[in-house]
Amino acid sequence: MPDFSILRRPLFEVAHLVERREVSPVELAELSLAAIDAANSVLNAFRCVLPERALAAARRAEAEIAGGSYRGALHGIPLAVKDLMDVAGETTPAGSVVLADRVATEDCDVVRRFDAAGAVIIGKTHLPEFAYHGSSINPHYGPVRNPWDLERDTGGSSSGTGSAVAAGLVYGATGSDTGGSIRNPSSQCGLAGIKPTFGRVSGRGAVTLGWSLDHMGPMTRTVRDAALMLEAMAGYDPGDPRTARKHVPSYADTLDAGVAGVRIALLEDDGASLPLATPAVVHGLAHAAQALADAGALVTPLRIPEVSELELVGVGLLRMEASATYEHFLREQPEALGAPARDRLYLGWAMGPEVPLLAGQARTVLRERFSARLDGFDLLLLPGMPYEAPPLATMPAGTRFLTPFNALGWPAMVTPSGLGERGLPTAVQIVGRPWAEALVFRAARAVEAAVGPLNAPFAIPQ
């Protein structure tokens, strides 16, 4: 029987073994493919697997490393991409049947960058239709099960990515985040996941949901792994006018610089007139705040009513942009769309012509007010999801702490904060100012050092 235990080790640890030629990239690829073959019928994490591409990349990596041409931490490491990112020669349904026959003619920018780093792309992970749902609900391809509890949902829309990484099928995978879709499943699956600053990572070659809200980012089992993946993914792309000509720092090199003297606002009231979160999530938030304070950060409770206001604006913007993107399918093939996506698209379609102007104005005003509220602070600490993973293919309204930062475009990362009463993960979210991912990673690492990375109890079937 295969020994899959090495697949559960952190990416950065295995990268050192690969560099020293103590572990073979081909063996890792074969193990990952075998694990997916054994587990995917249970989890439904992968939409497609790419064995020929993966093994060719693994053999190439092995030969390059043996020849002294080591490219870095992702060289020879099995990764996956969310199935709204193009891989040349493969289809990109983005969770829908109306796009099921569209074959990509070239790789998306993120995949090109992974190839340049020598990574091994194993396959493409499931998502709800058009990435437009906060759970794994998909009437075409079925739901995705959570490795922490197979009767629980992974969250969405990067559902398959959350399940695949938490189950130890790959070392990391990509997500997209338009209203919380990296941070939601990362929270529910006990992962580290970051939505970087808008414009940090190219979206060229990825199916669009909201053009001004889409963010691409990594989901991994440790903060350091996420830092390594984001370094490879980030950078200016002349083919995507949303990307910025900003230097990409070595996030992993500064990860252990600490947070002494860093000023952190701790959200105590988001203005929603609701309980902040479940008791377990609140407990995890307090634990994270104490860990940051113990590490030398200056943590101050703060009321920020603009959080709830930005959520409303972000949801409105998403509805309008998504409906504009898929209007032709609503007009010509509404019966081919699943009800969850179709109903949400109709909501945006029904908005009046003045709403886009008003929403844009509101975003500008709230950005200024939010910035002023955080004057004197470097980071914001708040919950990721306000509850633990719900039953399979359900989602109570729960992205209230996530969507605001798509509207702002600021970097936001979730990292585990502990386990709830049912043994399900809880998470905190750390938000920084634009382009401050390095500081966000440092704070997340301080929390991780106190909590420790979480390991799902899922066992790959033998």
Protein backbone atom coordinates (compact mmCIF):
# COMPACT_ATOMS: atom_id res chain seq x y z
CA MET A 1 0.00 0.00 0.00
CA PRO A 2 1.28 3.52 -0.74
CA ASP A 3 2.55 5.57 2.19
CA PHE A 4 0.79 8.92 1.75
CA SER A 5 2.18 10.48 4.92
CA ILE A 6 4.68 12.71 3.11
CA LEU A 7 1.77 14.42 1.35
CA ARG A 8 0.59 15.74 4.72
CA ARG A 9 3.89 17.45 5.49
CA PRO A 10 4.26 21.20 4.86
CA LEU A 11 5.27 22.25 1.38
CA PHE A 12 8.34 24.10 2.63
CA GLU A 13 9.67 21.01 4.42
CA VAL A 14 9.22 18.78 1.38
CA ALA A 15 10.81 21.44 -0.82
CA HIS A 16 14.03 21.13 1.18
CA LEU A 17 13.96 17.35 0.69
CA VAL A 18 13.45 17.79 -3.05
CA GLU A 19 16.29 20.32 -3.29
CA ARG A 20 18.65 17.89 -1.50
CA ARG A 21 17.41 15.06 -3.79
CA GLU A 22 16.19 13.06 -0.80
CA VAL A 23 12.72 12.92 -2.34
CA SER A 24 11.93 12.46 -6.02
CA PRO A 25 9.46 14.81 -7.76
CA VAL A 26 8.29 11.82 -9.79
CA GLU A 27 7.54 9.86 -6.63
CA LEU A 28 5.65 12.84 -5.20
CA ALA A 29 3.58 13.21 -8.38
CA GLU A 30 2.80 9.50 -8.44
CA LEU A 31 1.77 9.58 -4.77
CA SER A 32 -0.45 12.62 -5.33
CA LEU A 33 -2.12 11.01 -8.35
CA ALA A 34 -2.68 7.79 -6.37
CA ALA A 35 -4.13 9.72 -3.43
CA ILE A 36 -6.56 11.56 -5.71
CA ASP A 37 -7.56 8.31 -7.38
CA ALA A 38 -8.31 6.78 -3.97
CA ALA A 39 -10.03 9.75 -2.35
CA ASN A 40 -11.81 11.73 -5.03
CA SER A 41 -14.85 9.47 -5.21
CA VAL A 42 -15.40 10.31 -1.54
CA LEU A 43 -14.52 14.03 -1.51
CA ASN A 44 -15.35 15.14 -5.08
CA ALA A 45 -12.51 17.67 -4.85
CA PHE A 46 -11.14 17.34 -8.40
CA ARG A 47 -13.04 18.00 -11.61
CA CYS A 48 -10.20 16.60 -13.71
CA VAL A 49 -6.76 15.10 -13.14
CA LEU A 50 -3.83 15.67 -15.53
CA PRO A 51 -1.52 12.65 -15.13
CA GLU A 52 0.39 13.02 -18.39
CA ARG A 53 1.11 16.71 -17.86
CA ALA A 54 1.96 16.15 -14.20
CA LEU A 55 4.36 13.27 -14.75
CA ALA A 56 6.09 15.05 -17.62
CA ALA A 57 6.61 18.11 -15.41
CA ALA A 58 7.84 15.92 -12.54
CA ARG A 59 10.39 14.14 -14.77
CA ARG A 60 11.58 17.49 -16.10
CA ALA A 61 11.94 18.84 -12.57
CA GLU A 62 13.86 15.77 -11.44
CA ALA A 63 16.29 16.06 -14.34
CA GLU A 64 16.80 19.79 -13.79
CA ILE A 65 17.47 19.38 -10.07
CA ALA A 66 19.87 16.51 -10.71
CA GLY A 67 21.67 18.79 -13.15
CA GLY A 68 22.06 21.55 -10.58
CA SER A 69 19.26 23.79 -11.89
CA TYR A 70 17.03 24.11 -8.83
CA ARG A 71 14.41 26.82 -9.41
CA GLY A 72 13.09 27.30 -5.89
CA ALA A 73 10.60 26.04 -3.35
CA LEU A 74 7.88 25.00 -5.80
CA HIS A 75 10.22 23.02 -8.04
CA GLY A 76 8.85 19.49 -8.36
CA ILE A 77 5.97 20.10 -5.91
CA PRO A 78 2.44 18.81 -6.75
CA LEU A 79 -0.11 21.64 -6.83
CA ALA A 80 -3.62 22.08 -8.20
CA VAL A 81 -5.55 24.96 -9.74
CA LYS A 82 -9.17 25.95 -9.37
CA ASP A 83 -11.19 24.96 -12.42
CA LEU A 84 -11.81 28.49 -13.59
CA MET A 85 -8.14 28.89 -14.53
CA ASP A 86 -7.13 27.91 -18.05
CA VAL A 87 -4.69 25.08 -18.67
CA ALA A 88 -3.78 24.77 -22.34
CA GLY A 89 -5.54 21.90 -24.09
CA GLU A 90 -8.02 21.37 -21.24
CA THR A 91 -11.59 22.54 -20.79
CA THR A 92 -12.48 25.20 -18.23
CA PRO A 93 -16.16 24.73 -17.34
CA ALA A 94 -15.94 26.97 -14.24
CA GLY A 95 -18.54 24.74 -12.62
CA SER A 96 -21.04 25.18 -15.46
CA VAL A 97 -22.24 23.16 -18.43
CA VAL A 98 -22.53 26.20 -20.72
CA LEU A 99 -18.72 26.49 -20.72
CA ALA A 100 -18.03 22.75 -20.63
CA ASP A 101 -16.84 22.49 -24.23
CA ARG A 102 -14.53 25.52 -24.21
CA VAL A 103 -10.95 24.27 -24.62
CA ALA A 104 -8.20 26.62 -23.47
CA THR A 105 -5.66 27.50 -26.14
CA GLU A 106 -3.06 28.71 -23.65
CA ASP A 107 -2.28 28.62 -19.95
CA CYS A 108 -3.56 31.36 -17.67
CA ASP A 109 -0.90 33.68 -16.25
CA VAL A 110 -0.84 31.93 -12.86
CA VAL A 111 -0.23 28.53 -14.47
CA ARG A 112 2.55 30.03 -16.61
CA ARG A 113 4.20 31.34 -13.47
CA PHE A 114 3.88 27.96 -11.75
CA ASP A 115 5.48 26.33 -14.79
CA ALA A 116 8.32 28.85 -14.61
CA ALA A 117 8.80 27.91 -10.94
CA GLY A 118 8.96 24.22 -11.87
CA ALA A 119 5.74 23.26 -10.07
CA VAL A 120 3.81 20.12 -11.01
CA ILE A 121 0.15 20.85 -11.85
CA ILE A 122 -1.77 17.71 -10.87
CA GLY A 123 -5.33 18.71 -11.79
CA LYS A 124 -8.20 21.17 -11.55
CA THR A 125 -10.53 21.49 -8.55
CA HIS A 126 -14.31 21.78 -8.33
CA LEU A 127 -16.28 24.94 -7.65
CA PRO A 128 -19.92 26.09 -7.68
CA GLU A 129 -21.18 27.40 -11.01
CA PHE A 130 -19.21 30.46 -12.16
CA ALA A 131 -17.71 30.55 -8.62
CA TYR A 132 -20.93 32.27 -7.57
CA HIS A 133 -21.86 30.66 -4.26
CA GLY A 134 -20.48 30.58 -0.75
CA SER A 135 -20.89 26.82 -0.44
CA SER A 136 -19.96 23.90 -2.68
CA ILE A 137 -23.52 23.66 -4.07
CA ASN A 138 -23.35 22.67 -7.74
CA PRO A 139 -26.33 21.00 -9.47
CA HIS A 140 -24.12 19.92 -12.41
CA TYR A 141 -21.11 18.37 -10.67
CA GLY A 142 -22.25 17.77 -7.10
CA PRO A 143 -21.07 19.12 -3.72
CA VAL A 144 -17.57 18.84 -2.25
CA ARG A 145 -17.13 17.13 1.11
CA ASN A 146 -15.06 18.53 3.96
CA PRO A 147 -12.16 16.30 5.11
CA TRP A 148 -12.87 17.33 8.71
CA ASP A 149 -16.37 15.81 8.55
CA LEU A 150 -17.74 14.28 5.36
CA GLU A 151 -21.24 15.48 6.21
CA ARG A 152 -20.01 19.09 6.35
CA ASP A 153 -19.45 21.55 3.55
CA THR A 154 -16.10 22.98 2.49
CA GLY A 155 -17.43 26.46 1.86
CA GLY A 156 -17.13 28.16 -1.50
CA SER A 157 -16.36 28.96 -4.04
CA SER A 158 -12.87 27.45 -3.92
CA SER A 159 -14.51 24.30 -2.62
CA GLY A 160 -12.42 21.62 -4.30
CA THR A 161 -9.23 23.44 -3.47
CA GLY A 162 -10.14 23.55 0.22
CA SER A 163 -10.95 19.84 0.28
CA ALA A 164 -7.92 18.75 -1.76
CA VAL A 165 -5.41 20.67 0.33
CA ALA A 166 -6.95 19.82 3.72
CA ALA A 167 -7.09 16.12 2.78
CA GLY A 168 -3.41 16.09 1.81
CA LEU A 169 -3.94 15.30 -1.87
CA VAL A 170 -1.68 18.19 -2.93
CA TYR A 171 0.58 20.61 -1.05
CA GLY A 172 -1.30 23.71 -2.10
CA ALA A 173 -3.74 24.96 -4.70
CA THR A 174 -5.15 28.15 -6.08
CA GLY A 175 -8.42 29.83 -5.25
CA SER A 176 -10.20 32.88 -6.54
CA ASP A 177 -11.90 35.37 -4.25
CA THR A 178 -14.63 37.75 -5.46
CA GLY A 179 -16.66 37.94 -2.27
CA GLY A 180 -14.68 35.69 0.08
CA SER A 181 -14.08 32.55 -1.97
CA ILE A 182 -10.51 31.89 -0.81
CA ARG A 183 -11.06 32.85 2.81
CA ASN A 184 -14.41 31.07 3.28
CA PRO A 185 -13.21 27.52 2.41
CA SER A 186 -9.84 28.15 4.06
CA SER A 187 -11.72 29.00 7.27
CA GLN A 188 -13.99 25.95 7.00
CA CYS A 189 -11.15 23.54 6.15
CA GLY A 190 -8.47 24.70 8.61
CA LEU A 191 -6.16 26.25 6.00
CA ALA A 192 -4.10 29.36 5.49
CA GLY A 193 -5.52 31.32 2.57
CA ILE A 194 -4.77 34.82 1.34
CA LYS A 195 -6.60 37.21 -0.93
CA PRO A 196 -3.77 39.59 -1.89
CA THR A 197 -4.14 43.24 -2.82
CA PHE A 198 -6.25 43.77 -5.93
CA GLY A 199 -3.79 43.91 -8.81
CA ARG A 200 -1.08 41.82 -7.12
CA VAL A 201 -1.90 38.63 -9.08
CA SER A 202 -3.07 38.47 -12.68
CA GLY A 203 -6.52 37.18 -13.51
CA ARG A 204 -5.75 36.77 -17.22
CA GLY A 205 -6.91 33.37 -18.38
CA ALA A 206 -9.29 32.93 -15.44
CA VAL A 207 -13.05 32.95 -15.94
CA THR A 208 -14.40 36.25 -14.63
CA LEU A 209 -17.13 36.69 -12.04
CA GLY A 210 -16.66 40.32 -10.97
CA TRP A 211 -14.03 42.22 -12.95
CA SER A 212 -13.26 44.79 -10.25
CA LEU A 213 -13.57 42.30 -7.38
CA ASP A 214 -11.80 39.12 -8.55
CA HIS A 215 -8.58 38.20 -6.72
CA MET A 216 -6.40 35.11 -7.28
CA GLY A 217 -4.46 33.62 -4.38
CA PRO A 218 -3.12 30.45 -2.70
CA MET A 219 -4.59 28.06 -0.15
CA THR A 220 -2.19 25.89 1.86
CA ARG A 221 -1.77 24.09 5.17
CA THR A 222 0.76 26.55 6.61
CA VAL A 223 1.39 30.29 6.43
CA ARG A 224 4.91 29.79 5.05
CA ASP A 225 3.55 27.61 2.24
CA ALA A 226 1.08 30.36 1.31
CA ALA A 227 3.91 32.91 1.27
CA LEU A 228 5.96 30.73 -1.06
CA MET A 229 3.04 30.18 -3.43
CA LEU A 230 2.07 33.86 -3.54
CA GLU A 231 5.66 34.83 -4.40
CA ALA A 232 5.40 32.60 -7.47
CA MET A 233 1.91 33.79 -8.47
CA ALA A 234 2.35 37.54 -8.05
CA GLY A 235 3.65 40.14 -10.45
CA TYR A 236 2.74 42.58 -13.17
CA ASP A 237 1.12 41.09 -16.27
CA PRO A 238 0.94 43.34 -19.37
CA GLY A 239 -2.01 41.24 -20.51
CA ASP A 240 -4.11 42.18 -17.47
CA PRO A 241 -4.61 45.94 -17.00
CA ARG A 242 -5.75 45.33 -13.43
CA THR A 243 -2.26 44.31 -12.33
CA ALA A 244 0.12 46.88 -10.90
CA ARG A 245 3.82 47.46 -11.54
CA LYS A 246 4.69 46.70 -7.93
CA HIS A 247 7.78 44.92 -6.65
CA VAL A 248 6.98 41.48 -5.23
CA PRO A 249 8.99 40.99 -2.02
CA SER A 250 10.24 37.68 -0.74
CA TYR A 251 7.43 37.07 1.71
CA ALA A 252 8.98 33.93 3.16
CA ASP A 253 12.27 35.68 3.97
CA THR A 254 10.59 38.19 6.30
CA LEU A 255 8.03 35.80 7.75
CA ASP A 256 9.72 35.42 11.12
CA ALA A 257 10.48 39.14 11.60
CA GLY A 258 7.74 39.24 14.22
CA VAL A 259 5.08 41.81 15.08
CA ALA A 260 6.72 43.76 17.92
CA GLY A 261 5.31 47.27 17.88
CA VAL A 262 2.77 46.52 15.16
CA ARG A 263 -0.52 48.32 15.87
CA ILE A 264 -3.51 46.03 15.43
CA ALA A 265 -7.19 46.95 15.62
CA LEU A 266 -9.35 44.14 17.03
CA LEU A 267 -12.88 44.29 15.65
CA GLU A 268 -15.42 44.33 18.48
CA ASP A 269 -18.46 45.59 16.54
CA ASP A 270 -19.02 45.60 12.76
CA GLY A 271 -22.20 47.66 12.90
CA ALA A 272 -24.46 44.76 11.90
CA SER A 273 -26.43 44.55 15.19
CA LEU A 274 -25.72 40.79 15.25
CA PRO A 275 -23.59 38.60 17.49
CA LEU A 276 -20.05 38.74 16.16
CA ALA A 277 -19.72 34.96 15.73
CA THR A 278 -20.25 31.59 17.41
CA PRO A 279 -18.66 31.18 20.86
CA ALA A 280 -15.88 29.02 19.42
CA VAL A 281 -15.01 31.59 16.76
CA VAL A 282 -15.04 34.40 19.37
CA HIS A 283 -12.80 32.30 21.62
CA GLY A 284 -10.40 31.72 18.72
CA LEU A 285 -10.36 35.44 17.98
CA ALA A 286 -9.46 36.24 21.59
CA HIS A 287 -6.76 33.57 21.54
CA ALA A 288 -5.25 35.04 18.35
CA ALA A 289 -5.37 38.57 19.80
CA GLN A 290 -3.55 37.38 22.91
CA ALA A 291 -0.94 35.55 20.81
CA LEU A 292 -0.26 38.74 18.86
CA ALA A 293 -0.07 40.79 22.05
CA ASP A 294 2.31 38.24 23.59
CA ALA A 295 4.47 38.61 20.46
CA GLY A 296 4.74 42.36 21.09
CA ALA A 297 1.90 43.76 18.98
CA LEU A 298 -0.25 46.58 20.33
CA VAL A 299 -3.82 45.27 20.12
CA THR A 300 -6.72 47.68 20.61
CA PRO A 301 -10.47 46.86 20.39
CA LEU A 302 -12.25 49.00 17.82
CA ARG A 303 -15.81 49.51 16.60
CA ILE A 304 -15.94 49.72 12.78
CA PRO A 305 -19.51 50.10 11.48
CA GLU A 306 -18.15 50.57 7.96
CA VAL A 307 -17.54 46.81 7.81
CA SER A 308 -21.26 46.06 7.52
CA GLU A 309 -21.80 48.97 5.13
CA LEU A 310 -18.98 47.77 2.87
CA GLU A 311 -20.50 44.30 2.84
CA LEU A 312 -23.73 45.69 1.39
CA VAL A 313 -21.82 47.65 -1.24
CA GLY A 314 -19.63 44.66 -2.09
CA VAL A 315 -22.62 42.35 -2.52
CA GLY A 316 -24.32 44.93 -4.75
CA LEU A 317 -21.25 45.40 -6.91
CA LEU A 318 -20.81 41.65 -7.25
CA ARG A 319 -24.42 41.13 -8.32
CA MET A 320 -24.16 43.79 -11.01
CA GLU A 321 -20.77 42.74 -12.36
CA ALA A 322 -21.65 39.03 -12.40
CA SER A 323 -24.96 39.69 -14.16
CA ALA A 324 -23.23 41.83 -16.78
CA THR A 325 -20.64 39.09 -17.35
CA TYR A 326 -23.23 36.34 -17.89
CA GLU A 327 -26.11 38.34 -19.36
CA HIS A 328 -25.97 36.48 -22.68
CA PHE A 329 -26.53 33.14 -20.92
CA LEU A 330 -29.44 34.58 -18.94
CA ARG A 331 -31.02 35.75 -22.20
CA GLU A 332 -30.21 32.79 -24.44
CA GLN A 333 -29.78 29.70 -22.23
CA PRO A 334 -31.34 30.31 -18.80
CA GLU A 335 -32.53 26.71 -18.61
CA ALA A 336 -28.92 25.47 -18.89
CA LEU A 337 -27.88 27.30 -15.74
CA GLY A 338 -28.26 25.78 -12.30
CA ALA A 339 -30.82 27.48 -10.07
CA PRO A 340 -28.31 28.78 -7.46
CA ALA A 341 -26.27 30.72 -10.04
CA ARG A 342 -29.25 31.70 -12.21
CA ASP A 343 -31.22 33.14 -9.31
CA ARG A 344 -28.26 35.21 -8.13
CA LEU A 345 -27.60 36.50 -11.63
CA TYR A 346 -31.24 37.55 -12.01
CA LEU A 347 -30.98 39.59 -8.81
CA GLY A 348 -28.24 41.69 -10.34
CA TRP A 349 -30.07 41.95 -13.66
CA ALA A 350 -33.11 43.37 -11.88
CA MET A 351 -31.23 46.32 -10.41
CA GLY A 352 -32.04 49.75 -11.78
CA PRO A 353 -29.68 51.66 -14.12
CA GLU A 354 -28.75 54.14 -11.40
CA VAL A 355 -27.46 51.47 -9.00
CA PRO A 356 -23.94 51.04 -10.51
CA LEU A 357 -23.29 54.77 -10.17
CA LEU A 358 -24.57 54.86 -6.58
CA ALA A 359 -22.60 51.73 -5.62
CA GLY A 360 -19.41 53.19 -7.08
CA GLN A 361 -19.91 56.41 -5.19
CA ALA A 362 -20.61 54.51 -1.96
CA ARG A 363 -17.45 52.44 -2.38
CA THR A 364 -15.36 55.61 -2.74
CA VAL A 365 -16.90 57.26 0.33
CA LEU A 366 -16.64 54.12 2.47
CA ARG A 367 -13.03 53.53 1.44
CA GLU A 368 -12.16 56.98 2.79
CA ARG A 369 -14.16 56.46 5.98
CA PHE A 370 -12.69 53.01 6.55
CA SER A 371 -9.15 54.31 6.06
CA ALA A 372 -9.81 57.12 8.50
CA ARG A 373 -11.27 54.70 11.06
CA LEU A 374 -8.03 52.66 10.90
CA ASP A 375 -5.75 55.69 11.05
CA GLY A 376 -2.98 54.84 13.48
CA PHE A 377 -3.29 51.07 12.93
CA ASP A 378 -1.22 48.77 10.74
CA LEU A 379 -3.54 45.75 10.67
CA LEU A 380 -7.10 44.70 11.44
CA LEU A 381 -7.95 41.43 13.23
CA LEU A 382 -11.45 39.98 12.92
CA PRO A 383 -13.19 36.63 12.34
CA GLY A 384 -12.88 34.74 9.08
CA MET A 385 -16.24 33.00 8.89
CA PRO A 386 -18.59 33.66 11.85
CA TYR A 387 -19.30 29.94 12.29
CA GLU A 388 -17.79 26.52 11.73
CA ALA A 389 -18.47 24.43 8.60
CA PRO A 390 -22.24 23.98 8.04
CA PRO A 391 -23.96 20.80 6.79
CA LEU A 392 -23.03 19.69 3.27
CA ALA A 393 -24.21 21.94 0.43
CA THR A 394 -25.73 24.58 2.70
CA MET A 395 -24.54 28.03 3.61
CA PRO A 396 -26.15 30.36 6.11
CA ALA A 397 -25.45 34.00 5.21
CA GLY A 398 -21.90 34.21 6.42
CA THR A 399 -19.49 36.26 4.30
CA ARG A 400 -20.10 39.50 6.19
CA PHE A 401 -16.45 39.75 7.26
CA LEU A 402 -15.06 38.76 3.85
CA THR A 403 -16.84 40.70 1.10
CA PRO A 404 -15.92 44.16 2.48
CA PHE A 405 -12.28 43.59 1.58
CA ASN A 406 -13.10 42.65 -2.00
CA ALA A 407 -14.83 46.00 -2.28
CA LEU A 408 -11.75 47.71 -0.80
CA GLY A 409 -9.20 45.55 -2.62
CA TRP A 410 -7.04 45.31 0.52
CA PRO A 411 -5.04 42.16 1.34
CA ALA A 412 -6.82 39.79 3.72
CA MET A 413 -5.70 36.42 5.04
CA VAL A 414 -7.30 33.75 7.19
CA THR A 415 -5.42 31.33 9.40
CA PRO A 416 -6.73 28.73 11.86
CA SER A 417 -7.49 29.86 15.40
CA GLY A 418 -8.50 26.51 16.92
CA LEU A 419 -11.30 23.95 16.89
CA GLY A 420 -14.97 24.42 17.71
CA GLU A 421 -17.23 22.24 19.82
CA ARG A 422 -17.79 19.70 17.02
CA GLY A 423 -14.06 19.49 16.34
CA LEU A 424 -14.38 21.73 13.27
CA PRO A 425 -11.86 24.48 12.48
CA THR A 426 -12.30 28.14 13.34
CA ALA A 427 -10.27 30.94 11.82
CA VAL A 428 -9.28 34.56 12.22
CA GLN A 429 -8.75 37.07 9.45
CA ILE A 430 -5.89 39.56 9.25
CA VAL A 431 -6.29 42.58 6.97
CA GLY A 432 -3.56 44.97 5.90
CA ARG A 433 -3.30 48.11 3.85
CA PRO A 434 -2.69 47.82 0.09
CA TRP A 435 0.53 45.97 -0.83
CA ALA A 436 1.23 45.06 2.83
CA GLU A 437 1.02 41.28 2.33
CA ALA A 438 4.41 40.81 3.99
CA LEU A 439 3.12 42.29 7.25
CA VAL A 440 -0.11 40.27 7.00
CA PHE A 441 1.97 37.09 6.63
CA ARG A 442 4.09 38.01 9.66
CA ALA A 443 0.99 38.45 11.84
CA ALA A 444 -0.55 35.24 10.53
CA ARG A 445 2.67 33.41 11.34
CA ALA A 446 2.55 34.72 14.92
CA VAL A 447 -1.00 33.34 15.29
CA GLU A 448 0.01 30.05 13.70
CA ALA A 449 2.93 29.73 16.11
CA ALA A 450 0.48 29.90 19.03
CA VAL A 451 -2.27 27.74 17.53
CA GLY A 452 -0.28 25.42 15.29
CA PRO A 453 -1.39 24.26 11.85
CA LEU A 454 -4.46 22.02 11.94
CA ASN A 455 -4.60 18.57 10.37
CA ALA A 456 -7.89 17.15 9.14
CA PRO A 457 -8.66 13.63 10.40
CA PHE A 458 -9.43 12.36 6.88
CA ALA A 459 -7.57 9.19 5.93
CA ILE A 460 -6.94 8.48 2.25
CA PRO A 461 -8.62 5.14 1.46
CA GLN A 462 -6.15 2.30 0.91
